[in-house]
Amino acid sequence: MMTSTSTPSLSVLEQESLIWVNRLLSGAFTPGDAEALGRWRASDAAHEAAFVEAIRFHRRVRRLLTARLEPRDET
């Protein structure tokens, strides 16, 4: 049972995929990182699926934040 102070746990795979997405978008992603990410994604279909879902999650969050930060017409 979840209480108001509980947060859902992420699986190790979900955590790893989000770490990869954050690294990719950090501005400090190196060619070595690209190779390592490619190997990680190719090593298991579950890795690829988790990475794709993490990218989708990032895009949804970015859209929501952008929508909230846009000025509203108060007329």
Protein backbone atom coordinates (compact mmCIF):
# COMPACT_ATOMS: atom_id res chain seq x y z
CA MET A 1 0.00 0.00 0.00
CA MET A 2 1.33 3.42 -0.94
CA THR A 3 0.98 6.29 1.47
CA SER A 4 1.22 9.96 0.64
CA THR A 5 4.93 9.88 1.51
CA SER A 6 5.68 6.81 -0.61
CA THR A 7 7.21 7.12 -4.03
CA PRO A 8 7.24 4.42 -6.66
CA SER A 9 10.57 2.71 -7.06
CA LEU A 10 12.37 2.58 -10.37
CA SER A 11 13.89 -0.65 -11.51
CA VAL A 12 17.63 -0.81 -12.04
CA LEU A 13 17.00 -0.87 -15.79
CA GLU A 14 14.81 2.25 -15.60
CA GLN A 15 17.46 4.00 -13.53
CA GLU A 16 20.21 3.06 -15.98
CA SER A 17 18.20 4.26 -18.97
CA LEU A 18 17.46 7.61 -17.32
CA ILE A 19 21.13 8.01 -16.45
CA TRP A 20 22.00 7.44 -20.11
CA VAL A 21 19.41 9.99 -21.27
CA ASN A 22 20.68 12.56 -18.76
CA ARG A 23 24.25 11.96 -19.86
CA LEU A 24 23.25 12.22 -23.53
CA LEU A 25 21.52 15.55 -22.95
CA SER A 26 24.11 16.96 -20.54
CA GLY A 27 26.22 18.65 -23.18
CA ALA A 28 29.22 16.62 -22.04
CA PHE A 29 28.46 13.45 -24.03
CA THR A 30 31.68 12.14 -25.57
CA PRO A 31 32.38 9.79 -28.47
CA GLY A 32 33.32 7.20 -25.86
CA ASP A 33 29.94 7.70 -24.20
CA ALA A 34 28.25 7.21 -27.58
CA GLU A 35 30.08 3.93 -28.08
CA ALA A 36 29.24 2.74 -24.57
CA LEU A 37 25.58 3.71 -25.00
CA GLY A 38 25.45 1.88 -28.32
CA ARG A 39 26.90 -1.25 -26.73
CA TRP A 40 24.48 -1.02 -23.78
CA ARG A 41 21.47 -0.60 -26.06
CA ALA A 42 22.57 -3.45 -28.38
CA SER A 43 23.34 -5.85 -25.54
CA ASP A 44 19.70 -6.52 -24.66
CA ALA A 45 16.34 -5.71 -26.23
CA ALA A 46 15.14 -4.64 -22.78
CA HIS A 47 17.90 -2.02 -22.67
CA GLU A 48 16.77 -0.60 -26.01
CA ALA A 49 13.13 -0.54 -24.93
CA ALA A 50 14.00 1.15 -21.62
CA PHE A 51 16.13 3.75 -23.40
CA VAL A 52 13.32 4.55 -25.85
CA GLU A 53 10.87 4.89 -22.96
CA ALA A 54 13.29 7.15 -21.06
CA ILE A 55 13.55 9.41 -24.11
CA ARG A 56 9.75 9.51 -24.35
CA PHE A 57 9.51 10.34 -20.65
CA HIS A 58 12.03 13.16 -21.04
CA ARG A 59 10.07 14.60 -23.97
CA ARG A 60 6.78 14.49 -22.01
CA VAL A 61 8.35 16.22 -19.02
CA ARG A 62 9.93 18.87 -21.27
CA ARG A 63 6.58 19.56 -22.97
CA LEU A 64 4.81 19.88 -19.62
CA LEU A 65 7.45 22.22 -18.23
CA THR A 66 7.46 24.31 -21.39
CA ALA A 67 3.67 24.61 -21.27
CA ARG A 68 3.77 25.71 -17.63
CA LEU A 69 6.47 28.30 -18.28
CA GLU A 70 4.78 29.89 -21.29
CA PRO A 71 3.23 33.27 -20.48
CA ARG A 72 -0.53 33.17 -20.21
CA ASP A 73 -2.77 35.76 -21.77
CA GLU A 74 -4.70 37.26 -18.85
CA THR A 75 -7.30 39.06 -21.00
